[in-house]
Amino acid sequence: MLSSLFPLIYGLVFIVLLWQAFQVMGRGFSAAGKPLGTPDSGKDRTGKVTIHPELLDGDGRLTEEDLLTVRFSGDEESGESSTRPGE
């Protein structure tokens, strides 16, 4: 009996997973059609700017400390000193 149900269950699971895959791909294709830089206002839950928790001090205010940054080779940005560490 189990051997006759296995192909049926396998096929049913396959169809469900295939349906979910097409749904995910459809969402990806619809997102690709939107222009970059335009936020989707209908999807915003709060309507507020979200601040990363690591940028807040113990009292919940923005920290005044200097932030550590990583600079990769070929990443030129104006306004910074032209000397690099190690030169």
PDB file of N, CA and C in Angstrom:
ATOM      1  N   MET A   1       0.823  -1.198   0.000  1.00  0.00           N
ATOM      2  CA  MET A   1       0.000   0.000   0.000  1.00  0.00           C
ATOM      3  C   MET A   1       0.866   1.261   0.000  1.00  0.00           C
ATOM      4  N   LEU A   2       1.916   1.249   0.828  1.00  0.00           N
ATOM      5  CA  LEU A   2       2.794   2.411   0.902  1.00  0.00           C
ATOM      6  C   LEU A   2       3.509   2.638  -0.427  1.00  0.00           C
ATOM      7  N   SER A   3       3.848   1.566  -1.098  1.00  0.00           N
ATOM      8  CA  SER A   3       4.544   1.704  -2.379  1.00  0.00           C
ATOM      9  C   SER A   3       3.640   2.312  -3.453  1.00  0.00           C
ATOM     10  N   SER A   4       2.343   2.179  -3.318  1.00  0.00           N
ATOM     11  CA  SER A   4       1.447   2.793  -4.298  1.00  0.00           C
ATOM     12  C   SER A   4       1.149   4.255  -3.953  1.00  0.00           C
ATOM     13  N   LEU A   5       1.274   4.643  -2.675  1.00  0.00           N
ATOM     14  CA  LEU A   5       1.040   6.037  -2.277  1.00  0.00           C
ATOM     15  C   LEU A   5       2.267   6.920  -2.489  1.00  0.00           C
ATOM     16  N   PHE A   6       3.457   6.324  -2.463  1.00  0.00           N
ATOM     17  CA  PHE A   6       4.675   7.117  -2.586  1.00  0.00           C
ATOM     18  C   PHE A   6       4.730   7.935  -3.876  1.00  0.00           C
ATOM     19  N   PRO A   7       4.461   7.373  -5.048  1.00  0.00           N
ATOM     20  CA  PRO A   7       4.488   8.201  -6.267  1.00  0.00           C
ATOM     21  C   PRO A   7       3.447   9.323  -6.243  1.00  0.00           C
ATOM     22  N   LEU A   8       2.301   9.073  -5.644  1.00  0.00           N
ATOM     23  CA  LEU A   8       1.265  10.100  -5.560  1.00  0.00           C
ATOM     24  C   LEU A   8       1.709  11.249  -4.649  1.00  0.00           C
ATOM     25  N   ILE A   9       2.254  10.916  -3.489  1.00  0.00           N
ATOM     26  CA  ILE A   9       2.742  11.950  -2.559  1.00  0.00           C
ATOM     27  C   ILE A   9       3.919  12.696  -3.177  1.00  0.00           C
ATOM     28  N   TYR A  10       4.822  11.965  -3.811  1.00  0.00           N
ATOM     29  CA  TYR A  10       5.975  12.573  -4.461  1.00  0.00           C
ATOM     30  C   TYR A  10       5.531  13.555  -5.544  1.00  0.00           C
ATOM     31  N   GLY A  11       4.590  13.157  -6.365  1.00  0.00           N
ATOM     32  CA  GLY A  11       4.085  14.030  -7.424  1.00  0.00           C
ATOM     33  C   GLY A  11       3.384  15.253  -6.874  1.00  0.00           C
ATOM     34  N   LEU A  12       2.614  15.083  -5.807  1.00  0.00           N
ATOM     35  CA  LEU A  12       1.920  16.208  -5.191  1.00  0.00           C
ATOM     36  C   LEU A  12       2.908  17.221  -4.615  1.00  0.00           C
ATOM     37  N   VAL A  13       3.924  16.727  -3.918  1.00  0.00           N
ATOM     38  CA  VAL A  13       4.948  17.622  -3.365  1.00  0.00           C
ATOM     39  C   VAL A  13       5.703  18.321  -4.491  1.00  0.00           C
ATOM     40  N   PHE A  14       5.997  17.602  -5.558  1.00  0.00           N
ATOM     41  CA  PHE A  14       6.691  18.195  -6.699  1.00  0.00           C
ATOM     42  C   PHE A  14       5.877  19.330  -7.307  1.00  0.00           C
ATOM     43  N   ILE A  15       4.600  19.136  -7.478  1.00  0.00           N
ATOM     44  CA  ILE A  15       3.735  20.168  -8.066  1.00  0.00           C
ATOM     45  C   ILE A  15       3.644  21.385  -7.148  1.00  0.00           C
ATOM     46  N   VAL A  16       3.541  21.165  -5.843  1.00  0.00           N
ATOM     47  CA  VAL A  16       3.473  22.289  -4.900  1.00  0.00           C
ATOM     48  C   VAL A  16       4.771  23.089  -4.933  1.00  0.00           C
ATOM     49  N   LEU A  17       5.910  22.406  -4.920  1.00  0.00           N
ATOM     50  CA  LEU A  17       7.195  23.110  -4.972  1.00  0.00           C
ATOM     51  C   LEU A  17       7.394  23.831  -6.301  1.00  0.00           C
ATOM     52  N   LEU A  18       6.942  23.236  -7.378  1.00  0.00           N
ATOM     53  CA  LEU A  18       7.031  23.889  -8.683  1.00  0.00           C
ATOM     54  C   LEU A  18       6.177  25.152  -8.718  1.00  0.00           C
ATOM     55  N   TRP A  19       4.989  25.090  -8.142  1.00  0.00           N
ATOM     56  CA  TRP A  19       4.106  26.255  -8.068  1.00  0.00           C
ATOM     57  C   TRP A  19       4.759  27.373  -7.253  1.00  0.00           C
ATOM     58  N   GLN A  20       5.364  27.023  -6.120  1.00  0.00           N
ATOM     59  CA  GLN A  20       6.035  28.030  -5.299  1.00  0.00           C
ATOM     60  C   GLN A  20       7.226  28.638  -6.034  1.00  0.00           C
ATOM     61  N   ALA A  21       7.954  27.841  -6.790  1.00  0.00           N
ATOM     62  CA  ALA A  21       9.090  28.359  -7.548  1.00  0.00           C
ATOM     63  C   ALA A  21       8.633  29.376  -8.587  1.00  0.00           C
ATOM     64  N   PHE A  22       7.534  29.096  -9.270  1.00  0.00           N
ATOM     65  CA  PHE A  22       7.025  30.049 -10.253  1.00  0.00           C
ATOM     66  C   PHE A  22       6.520  31.327  -9.581  1.00  0.00           C
ATOM     67  N   GLN A  23       5.965  31.227  -8.393  1.00  0.00           N
ATOM     68  CA  GLN A  23       5.535  32.430  -7.673  1.00  0.00           C
ATOM     69  C   GLN A  23       6.728  33.300  -7.309  1.00  0.00           C
ATOM     70  N   VAL A  24       7.805  32.689  -6.819  1.00  0.00           N
ATOM     71  CA  VAL A  24       9.000  33.450  -6.451  1.00  0.00           C
ATOM     72  C   VAL A  24       9.620  34.090  -7.688  1.00  0.00           C
ATOM     73  N   MET A  25       9.697  33.349  -8.787  1.00  0.00           N
ATOM     74  CA  MET A  25      10.251  33.916 -10.018  1.00  0.00           C
ATOM     75  C   MET A  25       9.381  35.056 -10.534  1.00  0.00           C
ATOM     76  N   GLY A  26       8.073  34.931 -10.393  1.00  0.00           N
ATOM     77  CA  GLY A  26       7.174  36.003 -10.820  1.00  0.00           C
ATOM     78  C   GLY A  26       7.388  37.277 -10.027  1.00  0.00           C
ATOM     79  N   ARG A  27       7.616  37.131  -8.715  1.00  0.00           N
ATOM     80  CA  ARG A  27       7.910  38.316  -7.897  1.00  0.00           C
ATOM     81  C   ARG A  27       9.230  38.947  -8.309  1.00  0.00           C
ATOM     82  N   GLY A  28      10.195  38.128  -8.683  1.00  0.00           N
ATOM     83  CA  GLY A  28      11.484  38.655  -9.134  1.00  0.00           C
ATOM     84  C   GLY A  28      11.363  39.401 -10.450  1.00  0.00           C
ATOM     85  N   PHE A  29      10.589  38.853 -11.373  1.00  0.00           N
ATOM     86  CA  PHE A  29      10.406  39.524 -12.660  1.00  0.00           C
ATOM     87  C   PHE A  29       9.635  40.829 -12.499  1.00  0.00           C
ATOM     88  N   SER A  30       8.666  40.873 -11.605  1.00  0.00           N
ATOM     89  CA  SER A  30       7.924  42.118 -11.400  1.00  0.00           C
ATOM     90  C   SER A  30       8.795  43.158 -10.709  1.00  0.00           C
ATOM     91  N   ALA A  31       9.709  42.729  -9.844  1.00  0.00           N
ATOM     92  CA  ALA A  31      10.613  43.672  -9.191  1.00  0.00           C
ATOM     93  C   ALA A  31      11.639  44.208 -10.177  1.00  0.00           C
ATOM     94  N   ALA A  32      12.030  43.405 -11.156  1.00  0.00           N
ATOM     95  CA  ALA A  32      13.010  43.843 -12.147  1.00  0.00           C
ATOM     96  C   ALA A  32      12.427  44.911 -13.059  1.00  0.00           C
ATOM     97  N   GLY A  33      11.122  44.975 -13.198  1.00  0.00           N
ATOM     98  CA  GLY A  33      10.492  45.964 -14.057  1.00  0.00           C
ATOM     99  C   GLY A  33      10.385  47.338 -13.425  1.00  0.00           C
ATOM    100  N   LYS A  34      10.620  47.437 -12.119  1.00  0.00           N
ATOM    101  CA  LYS A  34      10.520  48.723 -11.430  1.00  0.00           C
ATOM    102  C   LYS A  34      11.823  49.493 -11.576  1.00  0.00           C
ATOM    103  N   PRO A  35      11.755  50.816 -11.702  1.00  0.00           N
ATOM    104  CA  PRO A  35      12.985  51.602 -11.787  1.00  0.00           C
ATOM    105  C   PRO A  35      13.722  51.597 -10.453  1.00  0.00           C
ATOM    106  N   LEU A  36      15.050  51.660 -10.538  1.00  0.00           N
ATOM    107  CA  LEU A  36      15.869  51.672  -9.332  1.00  0.00           C
ATOM    108  C   LEU A  36      15.742  53.007  -8.609  1.00  0.00           C
ATOM    109  N   GLY A  37      15.858  52.974  -7.310  1.00  0.00           N
ATOM    110  CA  GLY A  37      15.853  54.199  -6.525  1.00  0.00           C
ATOM    111  C   GLY A  37      14.481  54.685  -6.127  1.00  0.00           C
ATOM    112  N   THR A  38      13.437  54.049  -6.580  1.00  0.00           N
ATOM    113  CA  THR A  38      12.099  54.460  -6.174  1.00  0.00           C
ATOM    114  C   THR A  38      11.594  53.479  -5.127  1.00  0.00           C
ATOM    115  N   PRO A  39      11.441  53.943  -3.895  1.00  0.00           N
ATOM    116  CA  PRO A  39      10.970  53.035  -2.854  1.00  0.00           C
ATOM    117  C   PRO A  39       9.515  52.659  -3.068  1.00  0.00           C
ATOM    118  N   ASP A  40       9.174  51.468  -2.678  1.00  0.00           N
ATOM    119  CA  ASP A  40       7.802  50.990  -2.784  1.00  0.00           C
ATOM    120  C   ASP A  40       7.055  51.458  -1.543  1.00  0.00           C
ATOM    121  N   SER A  41       6.316  52.558  -1.660  1.00  0.00           N
ATOM    122  CA  SER A  41       5.677  53.165  -0.492  1.00  0.00           C
ATOM    123  C   SER A  41       4.578  52.289   0.086  1.00  0.00           C
ATOM    124  N   GLY A  42       3.997  51.406  -0.688  1.00  0.00           N
ATOM    125  CA  GLY A  42       2.945  50.545  -0.178  1.00  0.00           C
ATOM    126  C   GLY A  42       3.461  49.451   0.738  1.00  0.00           C
ATOM    127  N   LYS A  43       4.741  49.158   0.665  1.00  0.00           N
ATOM    128  CA  LYS A  43       5.316  48.079   1.459  1.00  0.00           C
ATOM    129  C   LYS A  43       5.927  48.577   2.766  1.00  0.00           C
ATOM    130  N   ASP A  44       6.031  49.892   2.985  1.00  0.00           N
ATOM    131  CA  ASP A  44       6.644  50.433   4.190  1.00  0.00           C
ATOM    132  C   ASP A  44       5.693  50.268   5.365  1.00  0.00           C
ATOM    133  N   ARG A  45       6.166  49.616   6.420  1.00  0.00           N
ATOM    134  CA  ARG A  45       5.297  49.339   7.555  1.00  0.00           C
ATOM    135  C   ARG A  45       5.137  50.553   8.460  1.00  0.00           C
ATOM    136  N   THR A  46       6.200  51.322   8.640  1.00  0.00           N
ATOM    137  CA  THR A  46       6.159  52.383   9.640  1.00  0.00           C
ATOM    138  C   THR A  46       6.038  53.772   9.051  1.00  0.00           C
ATOM    139  N   GLY A  47       6.579  53.981   7.857  1.00  0.00           N
ATOM    140  CA  GLY A  47       6.601  55.313   7.287  1.00  0.00           C
ATOM    141  C   GLY A  47       7.723  56.159   7.861  1.00  0.00           C
ATOM    142  N   LYS A  48       8.585  55.573   8.683  1.00  0.00           N
ATOM    143  CA  LYS A  48       9.696  56.292   9.307  1.00  0.00           C
ATOM    144  C   LYS A  48      11.018  55.784   8.750  1.00  0.00           C
ATOM    145  N   VAL A  49      12.046  56.613   8.905  1.00  0.00           N
ATOM    146  CA  VAL A  49      13.384  56.203   8.527  1.00  0.00           C
ATOM    147  C   VAL A  49      13.899  55.255   9.604  1.00  0.00           C
ATOM    148  N   THR A  50      14.413  54.116   9.193  1.00  0.00           N
ATOM    149  CA  THR A  50      14.925  53.138  10.143  1.00  0.00           C
ATOM    150  C   THR A  50      16.417  53.357  10.334  1.00  0.00           C
ATOM    151  N   ILE A  51      16.843  53.460  11.578  1.00  0.00           N
ATOM    152  CA  ILE A  51      18.249  53.658  11.917  1.00  0.00           C
ATOM    153  C   ILE A  51      18.786  52.348  12.471  1.00  0.00           C
ATOM    154  N   HIS A  52      19.945  51.953  11.990  1.00  0.00           N
ATOM    155  CA  HIS A  52      20.549  50.710  12.460  1.00  0.00           C
ATOM    156  C   HIS A  52      20.871  50.833  13.950  1.00  0.00           C
ATOM    157  N   PRO A  53      20.575  49.825  14.744  1.00  0.00           N
ATOM    158  CA  PRO A  53      20.775  49.908  16.199  1.00  0.00           C
ATOM    159  C   PRO A  53      22.210  50.173  16.621  1.00  0.00           C
ATOM    160  N   GLU A  54      23.195  49.773  15.825  1.00  0.00           N
ATOM    161  CA  GLU A  54      24.584  50.003  16.198  1.00  0.00           C
ATOM    162  C   GLU A  54      24.983  51.466  16.065  1.00  0.00           C
ATOM    163  N   LEU A  55      24.150  52.292  15.425  1.00  0.00           N
ATOM    164  CA  LEU A  55      24.443  53.718  15.317  1.00  0.00           C
ATOM    165  C   LEU A  55      23.877  54.506  16.491  1.00  0.00           C
ATOM    166  N   LEU A  56      23.223  53.837  17.423  1.00  0.00           N
ATOM    167  CA  LEU A  56      22.627  54.502  18.579  1.00  0.00           C
ATOM    168  C   LEU A  56      23.480  54.260  19.814  1.00  0.00           C
ATOM    169  N   ASP A  57      23.546  55.280  20.688  1.00  0.00           N
ATOM    170  CA  ASP A  57      24.275  55.103  21.942  1.00  0.00           C
ATOM    171  C   ASP A  57      23.360  54.470  22.985  1.00  0.00           C
ATOM    172  N   GLY A  58      23.804  54.431  24.233  1.00  0.00           N
ATOM    173  CA  GLY A  58      23.033  53.796  25.293  1.00  0.00           C
ATOM    174  C   GLY A  58      21.713  54.480  25.579  1.00  0.00           C
ATOM    175  N   ASP A  59      21.609  55.780  25.254  1.00  0.00           N
ATOM    176  CA  ASP A  59      20.375  56.528  25.509  1.00  0.00           C
ATOM    177  C   ASP A  59      19.431  56.534  24.312  1.00  0.00           C
ATOM    178  N   GLY A  60      19.820  55.892  23.226  1.00  0.00           N
ATOM    179  CA  GLY A  60      18.954  55.823  22.054  1.00  0.00           C
ATOM    180  C   GLY A  60      19.138  56.972  21.083  1.00  0.00           C
ATOM    181  N   ARG A  61      20.192  57.772  21.258  1.00  0.00           N
ATOM    182  CA  ARG A  61      20.482  58.871  20.335  1.00  0.00           C
ATOM    183  C   ARG A  61      21.585  58.455  19.377  1.00  0.00           C
ATOM    184  N   LEU A  62      21.665  59.165  18.241  1.00  0.00           N
ATOM    185  CA  LEU A  62      22.734  58.886  17.285  1.00  0.00           C
ATOM    186  C   LEU A  62      24.080  59.125  17.941  1.00  0.00           C
ATOM    187  N   THR A  63      25.005  58.209  17.720  1.00  0.00           N
ATOM    188  CA  THR A  63      26.320  58.316  18.326  1.00  0.00           C
ATOM    189  C   THR A  63      27.143  59.407  17.644  1.00  0.00           C
ATOM    190  N   GLU A  64      28.018  60.024  18.400  1.00  0.00           N
ATOM    191  CA  GLU A  64      28.899  61.072  17.870  1.00  0.00           C
ATOM    192  C   GLU A  64      30.290  60.521  17.577  1.00  0.00           C
ATOM    193  N   GLU A  65      30.502  59.233  17.819  1.00  0.00           N
ATOM    194  CA  GLU A  65      31.812  58.627  17.613  1.00  0.00           C
ATOM    195  C   GLU A  65      32.121  58.519  16.122  1.00  0.00           C
ATOM    196  N   ASP A  66      33.423  58.533  15.807  1.00  0.00           N
ATOM    197  CA  ASP A  66      33.838  58.292  14.428  1.00  0.00           C
ATOM    198  C   ASP A  66      33.549  56.841  14.082  1.00  0.00           C
ATOM    199  N   LEU A  67      33.082  56.628  12.864  1.00  0.00           N
ATOM    200  CA  LEU A  67      32.758  55.282  12.419  1.00  0.00           C
ATOM    201  C   LEU A  67      33.941  54.688  11.670  1.00  0.00           C
ATOM    202  N   LEU A  68      34.164  53.406  11.868  1.00  0.00           N
ATOM    203  CA  LEU A  68      35.216  52.710  11.142  1.00  0.00           C
ATOM    204  C   LEU A  68      34.704  52.362   9.753  1.00  0.00           C
ATOM    205  N   THR A  69      35.542  52.579   8.754  1.00  0.00           N
ATOM    206  CA  THR A  69      35.148  52.269   7.383  1.00  0.00           C
ATOM    207  C   THR A  69      36.205  51.393   6.732  1.00  0.00           C
ATOM    208  N   VAL A  70      35.812  50.713   5.705  1.00  0.00           N
ATOM    209  CA  VAL A  70      36.720  49.878   4.929  1.00  0.00           C
ATOM    210  C   VAL A  70      36.783  50.466   3.533  1.00  0.00           C
ATOM    211  N   ARG A  71      37.988  50.655   3.033  1.00  0.00           N
ATOM    212  CA  ARG A  71      38.167  51.195   1.691  1.00  0.00           C
ATOM    213  C   ARG A  71      38.832  50.129   0.830  1.00  0.00           C
ATOM    214  N   PHE A  72      38.205  49.824  -0.293  1.00  0.00           N
ATOM    215  CA  PHE A  72      38.723  48.810  -1.190  1.00  0.00           C
ATOM    216  C   PHE A  72      39.558  49.467  -2.275  1.00  0.00           C
ATOM    217  N   SER A  73      40.432  48.709  -2.904  1.00  0.00           N
ATOM    218  CA  SER A  73      41.282  49.273  -3.951  1.00  0.00           C
ATOM    219  C   SER A  73      40.417  49.744  -5.111  1.00  0.00           C
ATOM    220  N   GLY A  74      40.761  50.897  -5.654  1.00  0.00           N
ATOM    221  CA  GLY A  74      40.000  51.458  -6.758  1.00  0.00           C
ATOM    222  C   GLY A  74      38.798  52.259  -6.313  1.00  0.00           C
ATOM    223  N   ASP A  75      38.581  52.364  -5.016  1.00  0.00           N
ATOM    224  CA  ASP A  75      37.440  53.109  -4.488  1.00  0.00           C
ATOM    225  C   ASP A  75      37.913  54.519  -4.154  1.00  0.00           C
ATOM    226  N   GLU A  76      37.775  55.430  -5.093  1.00  0.00           N
ATOM    227  CA  GLU A  76      38.203  56.814  -4.911  1.00  0.00           C
ATOM    228  C   GLU A  76      37.014  57.663  -4.507  1.00  0.00           C
ATOM    229  N   GLU A  77      37.199  58.480  -3.483  1.00  0.00           N
ATOM    230  CA  GLU A  77      36.128  59.361  -3.036  1.00  0.00           C
ATOM    231  C   GLU A  77      36.734  60.731  -2.757  1.00  0.00           C
ATOM    232  N   SER A  78      36.123  61.779  -3.311  1.00  0.00           N
ATOM    233  CA  SER A  78      36.654  63.120  -3.115  1.00  0.00           C
ATOM    234  C   SER A  78      36.363  63.592  -1.704  1.00  0.00           C
ATOM    235  N   GLY A  79      37.187  64.538  -1.222  1.00  0.00           N
ATOM    236  CA  GLY A  79      36.978  65.079   0.110  1.00  0.00           C
ATOM    237  C   GLY A  79      37.795  64.371   1.175  1.00  0.00           C
ATOM    238  N   GLU A  80      38.408  63.286   0.853  1.00  0.00           N
ATOM    239  CA  GLU A  80      39.238  62.548   1.798  1.00  0.00           C
ATOM    240  C   GLU A  80      40.691  62.896   1.528  1.00  0.00           C
ATOM    241  N   SER A  81      41.549  62.644   2.492  1.00  0.00           N
ATOM    242  CA  SER A  81      42.962  62.897   2.281  1.00  0.00           C
ATOM    243  C   SER A  81      43.491  61.930   1.235  1.00  0.00           C
ATOM    244  N   SER A  82      44.449  62.393   0.452  1.00  0.00           N
ATOM    245  CA  SER A  82      44.935  61.575  -0.652  1.00  0.00           C
ATOM    246  C   SER A  82      45.967  60.554  -0.193  1.00  0.00           C
ATOM    247  N   THR A  83      46.444  60.661   1.050  1.00  0.00           N
ATOM    248  CA  THR A  83      47.419  59.683   1.523  1.00  0.00           C
ATOM    249  C   THR A  83      46.706  58.437   2.002  1.00  0.00           C
ATOM    250  N   ARG A  84      47.308  57.344   1.694  1.00  0.00           N
ATOM    251  CA  ARG A  84      46.746  56.061   2.107  1.00  0.00           C
ATOM    252  C   ARG A  84      47.696  55.419   3.105  1.00  0.00           C
ATOM    253  N   PRO A  85      47.187  54.629   4.017  1.00  0.00           N
ATOM    254  CA  PRO A  85      48.080  53.935   4.940  1.00  0.00           C
ATOM    255  C   PRO A  85      48.998  52.997   4.180  1.00  0.00           C
ATOM    256  N   GLY A  86      50.257  52.994   4.580  1.00  0.00           N
ATOM    257  CA  GLY A  86      51.211  52.126   3.915  1.00  0.00           C
ATOM    258  C   GLY A  86      51.973  52.825   2.812  1.00  0.00           C
ATOM    259  N   GLU A  87      51.635  54.062   2.494  1.00  0.00           N
ATOM    260  CA  GLU A  87      52.362  54.795   1.448  1.00  0.00           C
ATOM    261  C   GLU A  87      53.371  55.712   2.079  1.00  0.00           C
TER     262      GLU A  87
END
